[in-house]
Amino acid sequence: METLTPHTGALPARRPVPAARGVPLLDVVIPVHDEERDLEPCVRRLHAHLRGTFPYPFRVTIADNASRDGTARVAAALERDLPEVTAVHLPEKGRGRALRQVWSASDAPVLAYMDVDLSTDLAALLPLVAPLISGHSDLAIGTRLSPGSRVVRGPKREIVSRAYNLILRTTLATRFSDAQCGFKAVRKDVAERLLPMVADTGWFFDTELLVVAERAGLRIHEVPVDWVDDPDSRVDILATAVADLRGIARLGGALARGPVSSTPLTLPTQRGASCLAASAAVSI
């Protein structure tokens, strides 16, 4: 697995993303597992929103990871009915695995993902991806923990979310405010360099991606979101919390061990220099 090397003093050149005829500018991935009931109304709602408000060509990709119900059938029907919708089936479960595969294969210069329940108000989608399209930022995340956010959820989830992000700040010295909000985007050229450094294939994938990006000196744009908790969410809070804590321990250990490879993370830079900032390796 690749690693990160110390900062050379140059910042990456953040240029507007190139537009290509016949290629969507944005690919929004919806990773799903056993979501046959919610999938169709949510995808149709997202598709209608993009058709009505997004000024560029787009694609919605349904990433079905090892569903055992009728999710694949519903996804195939949506692919037939809606020209901008594509369905991908993965034989193995894992949100991180699904995002890695679809993002790696996508030809869109801006990649995003959101949870199928659409808990985040879709009005935040254009503000999320606009800084990536313009070249201002490298990644963008929705945050429920900003003073400008409006969140409706129970005290249990609120406490767990705030505690998790506090643990990240104290153990990994992170600066981003909300690692777990299922509403993120990344430039394709950045994703191509970050994904080989991310080991997790499940729920910790988001956090690991952000930690690697932040330590590489990449710019992470945060968008305050309006977010309403899905009372029918299938996420097992306890199991996810345990997996996340294990991920933090693994990643923290990797960072503490220091560089184990001489391969740098490189992006085009303003004056021809080649490396981005990083204080330690991220390698498993």
C-alpha atoms as a PDB file:
ATOM      1  CA  MET A   1       0.000   0.000   0.000  1.00  0.00           C
ATOM      2  CA  GLU A   2       1.193   3.494  -0.786  1.00  0.00           C
ATOM      3  CA  THR A   3       2.266   6.093   1.741  1.00  0.00           C
ATOM      4  CA  LEU A   4       2.549   9.853   2.125  1.00  0.00           C
ATOM      5  CA  THR A   5       5.762  11.843   2.158  1.00  0.00           C
ATOM      6  CA  PRO A   6       6.714  15.111   3.873  1.00  0.00           C
ATOM      7  CA  HIS A   7       5.559  18.439   2.488  1.00  0.00           C
ATOM      8  CA  THR A   8       7.800  20.097  -0.142  1.00  0.00           C
ATOM      9  CA  GLY A   9       6.263  23.555   0.209  1.00  0.00           C
ATOM     10  CA  ALA A  10       4.024  23.477  -2.869  1.00  0.00           C
ATOM     11  CA  LEU A  11       0.253  23.355  -2.976  1.00  0.00           C
ATOM     12  CA  PRO A  12      -1.656  21.375  -5.599  1.00  0.00           C
ATOM     13  CA  ALA A  13      -2.954  23.351  -8.522  1.00  0.00           C
ATOM     14  CA  ARG A  14      -6.721  23.360  -8.039  1.00  0.00           C
ATOM     15  CA  ARG A  15      -8.138  23.939 -11.496  1.00  0.00           C
ATOM     16  CA  PRO A  16     -11.765  23.659 -12.639  1.00  0.00           C
ATOM     17  CA  VAL A  17     -12.656  20.130 -13.631  1.00  0.00           C
ATOM     18  CA  PRO A  18     -12.506  19.428 -17.383  1.00  0.00           C
ATOM     19  CA  ALA A  19     -15.781  18.910 -19.229  1.00  0.00           C
ATOM     20  CA  ALA A  20     -15.988  16.147 -21.841  1.00  0.00           C
ATOM     21  CA  ARG A  21     -18.764  15.586 -24.356  1.00  0.00           C
ATOM     22  CA  GLY A  22     -20.927  12.613 -23.436  1.00  0.00           C
ATOM     23  CA  VAL A  23     -19.365  12.200 -19.970  1.00  0.00           C
ATOM     24  CA  PRO A  24     -21.252  13.191 -16.804  1.00  0.00           C
ATOM     25  CA  LEU A  25     -19.573  15.832 -14.680  1.00  0.00           C
ATOM     26  CA  LEU A  26     -20.931  14.288 -11.472  1.00  0.00           C
ATOM     27  CA  ASP A  27     -21.445  10.666 -10.459  1.00  0.00           C
ATOM     28  CA  VAL A  28     -23.564  10.274  -7.313  1.00  0.00           C
ATOM     29  CA  VAL A  29     -23.206   6.795  -5.829  1.00  0.00           C
ATOM     30  CA  ILE A  30     -25.855   5.302  -3.554  1.00  0.00           C
ATOM     31  CA  PRO A  31     -24.469   2.229  -1.769  1.00  0.00           C
ATOM     32  CA  VAL A  32     -27.283  -0.111  -0.720  1.00  0.00           C
ATOM     33  CA  HIS A  33     -27.735  -3.422   1.063  1.00  0.00           C
ATOM     34  CA  ASP A  34     -31.237  -4.917   1.341  1.00  0.00           C
ATOM     35  CA  GLU A  35     -33.056  -1.670   0.546  1.00  0.00           C
ATOM     36  CA  GLU A  36     -35.783  -2.875  -1.840  1.00  0.00           C
ATOM     37  CA  ARG A  37     -38.485  -0.834  -0.071  1.00  0.00           C
ATOM     38  CA  ASP A  38     -36.746   2.551   0.074  1.00  0.00           C
ATOM     39  CA  LEU A  39     -34.598   2.401  -3.039  1.00  0.00           C
ATOM     40  CA  GLU A  40     -37.086   3.393  -5.741  1.00  0.00           C
ATOM     41  CA  PRO A  41     -38.695   6.459  -4.103  1.00  0.00           C
ATOM     42  CA  CYS A  42     -35.328   7.774  -2.941  1.00  0.00           C
ATOM     43  CA  VAL A  43     -33.613   7.360  -6.317  1.00  0.00           C
ATOM     44  CA  ARG A  44     -36.540   8.931  -8.143  1.00  0.00           C
ATOM     45  CA  ARG A  45     -36.490  11.857  -5.729  1.00  0.00           C
ATOM     46  CA  LEU A  46     -32.740  12.348  -6.189  1.00  0.00           C
ATOM     47  CA  HIS A  47     -33.020  12.015  -9.957  1.00  0.00           C
ATOM     48  CA  ALA A  48     -35.826  14.587 -10.136  1.00  0.00           C
ATOM     49  CA  HIS A  49     -33.828  16.982  -7.957  1.00  0.00           C
ATOM     50  CA  LEU A  50     -30.738  16.708 -10.165  1.00  0.00           C
ATOM     51  CA  ARG A  51     -32.801  17.057 -13.339  1.00  0.00           C
ATOM     52  CA  GLY A  52     -34.409  20.209 -11.981  1.00  0.00           C
ATOM     53  CA  THR A  53     -31.502  21.957 -10.260  1.00  0.00           C
ATOM     54  CA  PHE A  54     -28.110  20.612 -11.351  1.00  0.00           C
ATOM     55  CA  PRO A  55     -26.738  22.567 -14.331  1.00  0.00           C
ATOM     56  CA  TYR A  56     -24.328  19.860 -15.565  1.00  0.00           C
ATOM     57  CA  PRO A  57     -24.618  16.295 -16.905  1.00  0.00           C
ATOM     58  CA  PHE A  58     -24.857  13.770 -14.079  1.00  0.00           C
ATOM     59  CA  ARG A  59     -25.150  10.085 -13.311  1.00  0.00           C
ATOM     60  CA  VAL A  60     -26.714   8.274 -10.358  1.00  0.00           C
ATOM     61  CA  THR A  61     -25.077   4.906  -9.674  1.00  0.00           C
ATOM     62  CA  ILE A  62     -26.800   2.376  -7.429  1.00  0.00           C
ATOM     63  CA  ALA A  63     -24.097   0.224  -5.830  1.00  0.00           C
ATOM     64  CA  ASP A  64     -25.879  -2.895  -4.579  1.00  0.00           C
ATOM     65  CA  ASN A  65     -23.476  -4.701  -2.281  1.00  0.00           C
ATOM     66  CA  ALA A  66     -24.596  -8.292  -1.699  1.00  0.00           C
ATOM     67  CA  SER A  67     -28.301  -7.607  -1.142  1.00  0.00           C
ATOM     68  CA  ARG A  68     -30.391 -10.691  -0.423  1.00  0.00           C
ATOM     69  CA  ASP A  69     -33.816  -9.176  -1.050  1.00  0.00           C
ATOM     70  CA  GLY A  70     -35.241  -7.606  -4.195  1.00  0.00           C
ATOM     71  CA  THR A  71     -32.848  -4.640  -4.273  1.00  0.00           C
ATOM     72  CA  ALA A  72     -31.128  -5.810  -7.472  1.00  0.00           C
ATOM     73  CA  ARG A  73     -34.490  -6.144  -9.248  1.00  0.00           C
ATOM     74  CA  VAL A  74     -35.574  -2.650  -8.200  1.00  0.00           C
ATOM     75  CA  ALA A  75     -32.191  -1.205  -9.227  1.00  0.00           C
ATOM     76  CA  ALA A  76     -32.424  -2.837 -12.659  1.00  0.00           C
ATOM     77  CA  ALA A  77     -35.923  -1.389 -13.177  1.00  0.00           C
ATOM     78  CA  LEU A  78     -34.700   2.093 -12.259  1.00  0.00           C
ATOM     79  CA  GLU A  79     -31.804   1.722 -14.690  1.00  0.00           C
ATOM     80  CA  ARG A  80     -34.283   0.926 -17.471  1.00  0.00           C
ATOM     81  CA  ASP A  81     -36.673   3.757 -16.608  1.00  0.00           C
ATOM     82  CA  LEU A  82     -34.256   6.624 -15.903  1.00  0.00           C
ATOM     83  CA  PRO A  83     -31.546   7.370 -18.492  1.00  0.00           C
ATOM     84  CA  GLU A  84     -29.072   8.862 -15.987  1.00  0.00           C
ATOM     85  CA  VAL A  85     -29.300   5.917 -13.557  1.00  0.00           C
ATOM     86  CA  THR A  86     -26.875   2.978 -13.592  1.00  0.00           C
ATOM     87  CA  ALA A  87     -26.970  -0.125 -11.388  1.00  0.00           C
ATOM     88  CA  VAL A  88     -23.915  -2.078 -10.256  1.00  0.00           C
ATOM     89  CA  HIS A  89     -24.052  -5.337  -8.276  1.00  0.00           C
ATOM     90  CA  LEU A  90     -21.200  -6.382  -5.996  1.00  0.00           C
ATOM     91  CA  PRO A  91     -21.078  -9.937  -4.597  1.00  0.00           C
ATOM     92  CA  GLU A  92     -19.499  -8.811  -1.303  1.00  0.00           C
ATOM     93  CA  LYS A  93     -20.973  -6.589   1.384  1.00  0.00           C
ATOM     94  CA  GLY A  94     -19.345  -3.348   2.493  1.00  0.00           C
ATOM     95  CA  ARG A  95     -20.060   0.325   1.896  1.00  0.00           C
ATOM     96  CA  GLY A  96     -16.386   1.161   1.560  1.00  0.00           C
ATOM     97  CA  ARG A  97     -15.857  -1.698  -0.873  1.00  0.00           C
ATOM     98  CA  ALA A  98     -18.794  -0.507  -2.984  1.00  0.00           C
ATOM     99  CA  LEU A  99     -17.576   3.087  -3.089  1.00  0.00           C
ATOM    100  CA  ARG A 100     -14.025   2.069  -3.928  1.00  0.00           C
ATOM    101  CA  GLN A 101     -15.137  -0.084  -6.866  1.00  0.00           C
ATOM    102  CA  VAL A 102     -17.632   2.373  -8.350  1.00  0.00           C
ATOM    103  CA  TRP A 103     -15.475   5.452  -7.835  1.00  0.00           C
ATOM    104  CA  SER A 104     -12.448   3.706  -9.348  1.00  0.00           C
ATOM    105  CA  ALA A 105     -14.414   2.712 -12.446  1.00  0.00           C
ATOM    106  CA  SER A 106     -16.255   6.016 -12.917  1.00  0.00           C
ATOM    107  CA  ASP A 107     -15.339   8.391 -15.746  1.00  0.00           C
ATOM    108  CA  ALA A 108     -16.885  11.434 -14.018  1.00  0.00           C
ATOM    109  CA  PRO A 109     -14.421  14.099 -12.780  1.00  0.00           C
ATOM    110  CA  VAL A 110     -16.442  14.655  -9.584  1.00  0.00           C
ATOM    111  CA  LEU A 111     -17.587  11.725  -7.430  1.00  0.00           C
ATOM    112  CA  ALA A 112     -20.082  11.826  -4.589  1.00  0.00           C
ATOM    113  CA  TYR A 113     -22.096   9.502  -2.418  1.00  0.00           C
ATOM    114  CA  MET A 114     -25.102   9.749  -0.160  1.00  0.00           C
ATOM    115  CA  ASP A 115     -27.102   7.387   2.000  1.00  0.00           C
ATOM    116  CA  VAL A 116     -30.194   5.882   0.402  1.00  0.00           C
ATOM    117  CA  ASP A 117     -32.522   7.298   3.055  1.00  0.00           C
ATOM    118  CA  LEU A 118     -31.696  10.846   1.864  1.00  0.00           C
ATOM    119  CA  SER A 119     -31.568  12.080   5.449  1.00  0.00           C
ATOM    120  CA  THR A 120     -29.576  15.066   4.194  1.00  0.00           C
ATOM    121  CA  ASP A 121     -31.604  17.790   2.483  1.00  0.00           C
ATOM    122  CA  LEU A 122     -30.744  17.653  -1.224  1.00  0.00           C
ATOM    123  CA  ALA A 123     -30.472  21.436  -1.354  1.00  0.00           C
ATOM    124  CA  ALA A 124     -26.951  20.949   0.006  1.00  0.00           C
ATOM    125  CA  LEU A 125     -25.812  18.845  -2.974  1.00  0.00           C
ATOM    126  CA  LEU A 126     -24.837  21.692  -5.309  1.00  0.00           C
ATOM    127  CA  PRO A 127     -22.989  23.576  -2.521  1.00  0.00           C
ATOM    128  CA  LEU A 128     -21.207  20.284  -1.754  1.00  0.00           C
ATOM    129  CA  VAL A 129     -19.814  19.710  -5.238  1.00  0.00           C
ATOM    130  CA  ALA A 130     -19.446  23.313  -6.478  1.00  0.00           C
ATOM    131  CA  PRO A 131     -16.041  23.865  -4.767  1.00  0.00           C
ATOM    132  CA  LEU A 132     -14.752  20.688  -6.425  1.00  0.00           C
ATOM    133  CA  ILE A 133     -16.041  21.669  -9.855  1.00  0.00           C
ATOM    134  CA  SER A 134     -14.496  25.143  -9.571  1.00  0.00           C
ATOM    135  CA  GLY A 135     -11.161  23.798  -8.375  1.00  0.00           C
ATOM    136  CA  HIS A 136     -11.377  25.443  -4.946  1.00  0.00           C
ATOM    137  CA  SER A 137     -11.285  22.203  -2.913  1.00  0.00           C
ATOM    138  CA  ASP A 138     -10.250  18.566  -3.205  1.00  0.00           C
ATOM    139  CA  LEU A 139     -12.929  16.899  -1.082  1.00  0.00           C
ATOM    140  CA  ALA A 140     -16.212  18.072   0.429  1.00  0.00           C
ATOM    141  CA  ILE A 141     -18.292  16.751   3.306  1.00  0.00           C
ATOM    142  CA  GLY A 142     -21.660  17.502   4.793  1.00  0.00           C
ATOM    143  CA  THR A 143     -21.528  18.293   8.486  1.00  0.00           C
ATOM    144  CA  ARG A 144     -24.275  17.967  11.069  1.00  0.00           C
ATOM    145  CA  LEU A 145     -22.078  19.450  13.791  1.00  0.00           C
ATOM    146  CA  SER A 146     -21.651  22.975  12.444  1.00  0.00           C
ATOM    147  CA  PRO A 147     -23.488  25.891  14.087  1.00  0.00           C
ATOM    148  CA  GLY A 148     -25.247  26.419  10.751  1.00  0.00           C
ATOM    149  CA  SER A 149     -26.569  22.852  10.548  1.00  0.00           C
ATOM    150  CA  ARG A 150     -30.143  21.924  11.430  1.00  0.00           C
ATOM    151  CA  VAL A 151     -30.465  18.379  12.720  1.00  0.00           C
ATOM    152  CA  VAL A 152     -33.402  16.319  13.913  1.00  0.00           C
ATOM    153  CA  ARG A 153     -32.389  13.102  15.666  1.00  0.00           C
ATOM    154  CA  GLY A 154     -32.640  11.370  18.999  1.00  0.00           C
ATOM    155  CA  PRO A 155     -30.247  11.991  21.900  1.00  0.00           C
ATOM    156  CA  LYS A 156     -28.608   8.564  21.552  1.00  0.00           C
ATOM    157  CA  ARG A 157     -27.407   9.190  17.999  1.00  0.00           C
ATOM    158  CA  GLU A 158     -26.450  12.757  18.823  1.00  0.00           C
ATOM    159  CA  ILE A 159     -24.254  11.644  21.728  1.00  0.00           C
ATOM    160  CA  VAL A 160     -22.660   8.814  19.724  1.00  0.00           C
ATOM    161  CA  SER A 161     -21.867  11.127  16.807  1.00  0.00           C
ATOM    162  CA  ARG A 162     -20.325  13.855  18.941  1.00  0.00           C
ATOM    163  CA  ALA A 163     -18.366  11.335  21.016  1.00  0.00           C
ATOM    164  CA  TYR A 164     -16.975   9.648  17.915  1.00  0.00           C
ATOM    165  CA  ASN A 165     -15.746  12.903  16.389  1.00  0.00           C
ATOM    166  CA  LEU A 166     -14.269  13.939  19.739  1.00  0.00           C
ATOM    167  CA  ILE A 167     -12.335  10.648  19.846  1.00  0.00           C
ATOM    168  CA  LEU A 168     -11.027  11.331  16.354  1.00  0.00           C
ATOM    169  CA  ARG A 169      -9.825  14.788  17.330  1.00  0.00           C
ATOM    170  CA  THR A 170      -8.068  13.564  20.472  1.00  0.00           C
ATOM    171  CA  THR A 171      -6.493  10.410  19.021  1.00  0.00           C
ATOM    172  CA  LEU A 172      -5.781  11.310  15.384  1.00  0.00           C
ATOM    173  CA  ALA A 173      -5.702  15.124  15.685  1.00  0.00           C
ATOM    174  CA  THR A 174      -8.346  15.551  12.998  1.00  0.00           C
ATOM    175  CA  ARG A 175      -9.738  18.992  12.158  1.00  0.00           C
ATOM    176  CA  PHE A 176     -12.827  18.103  10.096  1.00  0.00           C
ATOM    177  CA  SER A 177     -16.014  18.275  12.134  1.00  0.00           C
ATOM    178  CA  ASP A 178     -18.164  15.315  11.037  1.00  0.00           C
ATOM    179  CA  ALA A 179     -16.633  12.075   9.734  1.00  0.00           C
ATOM    180  CA  GLN A 180     -19.838  10.039   9.606  1.00  0.00           C
ATOM    181  CA  CYS A 181     -22.345  12.121   7.663  1.00  0.00           C
ATOM    182  CA  GLY A 182     -23.317  10.081   4.595  1.00  0.00           C
ATOM    183  CA  PHE A 183     -22.920  13.009   2.233  1.00  0.00           C
ATOM    184  CA  LYS A 184     -19.463  13.422   0.696  1.00  0.00           C
ATOM    185  CA  ALA A 185     -17.709  14.226  -2.573  1.00  0.00           C
ATOM    186  CA  VAL A 186     -14.202  14.039  -3.996  1.00  0.00           C
ATOM    187  CA  ARG A 187     -12.510  14.968  -7.240  1.00  0.00           C
ATOM    188  CA  LYS A 188     -11.707  11.951  -9.387  1.00  0.00           C
ATOM    189  CA  ASP A 189      -8.034  12.896  -9.767  1.00  0.00           C
ATOM    190  CA  VAL A 190      -7.735  13.084  -5.980  1.00  0.00           C
ATOM    191  CA  ALA A 191      -9.646   9.833  -5.412  1.00  0.00           C
ATOM    192  CA  GLU A 192      -7.303   7.975  -7.758  1.00  0.00           C
ATOM    193  CA  ARG A 193      -4.410   8.779  -5.427  1.00  0.00           C
ATOM    194  CA  LEU A 194      -6.205   8.431  -2.108  1.00  0.00           C
ATOM    195  CA  LEU A 195      -8.079   5.145  -2.616  1.00  0.00           C
ATOM    196  CA  PRO A 196      -4.957   2.918  -2.743  1.00  0.00           C
ATOM    197  CA  MET A 197      -4.093   4.219   0.736  1.00  0.00           C
ATOM    198  CA  VAL A 198      -7.458   3.368   2.315  1.00  0.00           C
ATOM    199  CA  ALA A 199      -7.711  -0.155   3.718  1.00  0.00           C
ATOM    200  CA  ASP A 200     -11.211  -0.282   5.209  1.00  0.00           C
ATOM    201  CA  THR A 201     -14.081  -1.754   3.197  1.00  0.00           C
ATOM    202  CA  GLY A 202     -16.928  -0.977   5.611  1.00  0.00           C
ATOM    203  CA  TRP A 203     -18.240   1.984   7.594  1.00  0.00           C
ATOM    204  CA  PHE A 204     -14.794   3.261   8.636  1.00  0.00           C
ATOM    205  CA  PHE A 205     -13.917   3.889   4.979  1.00  0.00           C
ATOM    206  CA  ASP A 206     -15.146   7.517   5.214  1.00  0.00           C
ATOM    207  CA  THR A 207     -13.075   8.331   8.252  1.00  0.00           C
ATOM    208  CA  GLU A 208      -9.923   6.740   6.887  1.00  0.00           C
ATOM    209  CA  LEU A 209     -10.289   8.580   3.572  1.00  0.00           C
ATOM    210  CA  LEU A 210     -10.638  11.920   5.365  1.00  0.00           C
ATOM    211  CA  VAL A 211      -7.692  11.295   7.702  1.00  0.00           C
ATOM    212  CA  VAL A 212      -5.443  10.361   4.779  1.00  0.00           C
ATOM    213  CA  ALA A 213      -6.606  13.418   2.825  1.00  0.00           C
ATOM    214  CA  GLU A 214      -6.135  15.782   5.733  1.00  0.00           C
ATOM    215  CA  ARG A 215      -2.636  14.515   6.483  1.00  0.00           C
ATOM    216  CA  ALA A 216      -1.786  14.908   2.805  1.00  0.00           C
ATOM    217  CA  GLY A 217      -2.583  18.608   3.052  1.00  0.00           C
ATOM    218  CA  LEU A 218      -5.657  18.404   0.842  1.00  0.00           C
ATOM    219  CA  ARG A 219      -8.416  20.967   1.213  1.00  0.00           C
ATOM    220  CA  ILE A 220     -11.638  19.572   2.702  1.00  0.00           C
ATOM    221  CA  HIS A 221     -14.677  21.807   2.238  1.00  0.00           C
ATOM    222  CA  GLU A 222     -17.478  21.510   4.814  1.00  0.00           C
ATOM    223  CA  VAL A 223     -21.139  22.232   4.118  1.00  0.00           C
ATOM    224  CA  PRO A 224     -23.613  22.657   7.000  1.00  0.00           C
ATOM    225  CA  VAL A 225     -26.591  20.452   6.230  1.00  0.00           C
ATOM    226  CA  ASP A 226     -30.204  20.061   7.237  1.00  0.00           C
ATOM    227  CA  TRP A 227     -30.472  16.469   8.385  1.00  0.00           C
ATOM    228  CA  VAL A 228     -33.428  14.406   9.627  1.00  0.00           C
ATOM    229  CA  ASP A 229     -32.716  11.033  11.197  1.00  0.00           C
ATOM    230  CA  ASP A 230     -34.316   8.017   9.538  1.00  0.00           C
ATOM    231  CA  PRO A 231     -36.210   6.188  12.319  1.00  0.00           C
ATOM    232  CA  ASP A 232     -36.127   3.005  10.223  1.00  0.00           C
ATOM    233  CA  SER A 233     -32.353   3.045   9.741  1.00  0.00           C
ATOM    234  CA  ARG A 234     -30.836  -0.445   9.527  1.00  0.00           C
ATOM    235  CA  VAL A 235     -27.461   0.667  10.814  1.00  0.00           C
ATOM    236  CA  ASP A 236     -26.429  -1.278  13.916  1.00  0.00           C
ATOM    237  CA  ILE A 237     -25.065   1.542  16.085  1.00  0.00           C
ATOM    238  CA  LEU A 238     -23.174  -0.724  18.504  1.00  0.00           C
ATOM    239  CA  ALA A 239     -21.563  -2.904  15.840  1.00  0.00           C
ATOM    240  CA  THR A 240     -20.628   0.164  13.792  1.00  0.00           C
ATOM    241  CA  ALA A 241     -19.150   1.900  16.843  1.00  0.00           C
ATOM    242  CA  VAL A 242     -17.002  -1.140  17.682  1.00  0.00           C
ATOM    243  CA  ALA A 243     -15.781  -1.389  14.076  1.00  0.00           C
ATOM    244  CA  ASP A 244     -14.984   2.326  14.037  1.00  0.00           C
ATOM    245  CA  LEU A 245     -12.977   2.094  17.268  1.00  0.00           C
ATOM    246  CA  ARG A 246     -11.000  -0.794  15.820  1.00  0.00           C
ATOM    247  CA  GLY A 247     -10.391   1.275  12.711  1.00  0.00           C
ATOM    248  CA  ILE A 248      -9.134   4.207  14.783  1.00  0.00           C
ATOM    249  CA  ALA A 249      -6.742   1.909  16.654  1.00  0.00           C
ATOM    250  CA  ARG A 250      -5.456   0.374  13.418  1.00  0.00           C
ATOM    251  CA  LEU A 251      -5.028   3.714  11.673  1.00  0.00           C
ATOM    252  CA  GLY A 252      -3.452   5.334  14.713  1.00  0.00           C
ATOM    253  CA  GLY A 253      -0.971   2.488  14.941  1.00  0.00           C
ATOM    254  CA  ALA A 254      -0.096   2.811  11.262  1.00  0.00           C
ATOM    255  CA  LEU A 255       0.496   6.539  11.651  1.00  0.00           C
ATOM    256  CA  ALA A 256       2.648   6.008  14.738  1.00  0.00           C
ATOM    257  CA  ARG A 257       4.892   3.524  12.921  1.00  0.00           C
ATOM    258  CA  GLY A 258       5.862   6.118  10.326  1.00  0.00           C
ATOM    259  CA  PRO A 259       6.579   5.763   6.607  1.00  0.00           C
ATOM    260  CA  VAL A 260       6.965   2.257   5.279  1.00  0.00           C
ATOM    261  CA  SER A 261       7.164   3.115   1.575  1.00  0.00           C
ATOM    262  CA  SER A 262       9.046   5.617  -0.546  1.00  0.00           C
ATOM    263  CA  THR A 263       6.151   6.148  -2.966  1.00  0.00           C
ATOM    264  CA  PRO A 264       4.763   9.684  -2.493  1.00  0.00           C
ATOM    265  CA  LEU A 265       1.234  10.909  -2.974  1.00  0.00           C
ATOM    266  CA  THR A 266       1.599  13.354  -5.858  1.00  0.00           C
ATOM    267  CA  LEU A 267      -0.723  15.751  -7.630  1.00  0.00           C
ATOM    268  CA  PRO A 268      -0.042  18.471 -10.213  1.00  0.00           C
ATOM    269  CA  THR A 269       1.300  21.548  -8.424  1.00  0.00           C
ATOM    270  CA  GLN A 270       1.370  25.246  -9.079  1.00  0.00           C
ATOM    271  CA  ARG A 271       5.102  25.486  -9.845  1.00  0.00           C
ATOM    272  CA  GLY A 272       5.967  21.944 -10.845  1.00  0.00           C
ATOM    273  CA  ALA A 273       6.817  20.554  -7.403  1.00  0.00           C
ATOM    274  CA  SER A 274       5.485  17.086  -6.796  1.00  0.00           C
ATOM    275  CA  CYS A 275       4.523  16.241  -3.244  1.00  0.00           C
ATOM    276  CA  LEU A 276       1.705  16.997  -0.826  1.00  0.00           C
ATOM    277  CA  ALA A 277       1.974  17.391   2.901  1.00  0.00           C
ATOM    278  CA  ALA A 278       1.879  14.495   5.288  1.00  0.00           C
ATOM    279  CA  SER A 279       3.297  13.907   8.713  1.00  0.00           C
ATOM    280  CA  ALA A 280       3.278  10.126   8.598  1.00  0.00           C
ATOM    281  CA  ALA A 281       2.407   7.126   6.491  1.00  0.00           C
ATOM    282  CA  VAL A 282      -1.022   5.581   6.206  1.00  0.00           C
ATOM    283  CA  SER A 283      -0.378   1.931   5.510  1.00  0.00           C
ATOM    284  CA  ILE A 284      -1.719  -1.357   6.727  1.00  0.00           C
END
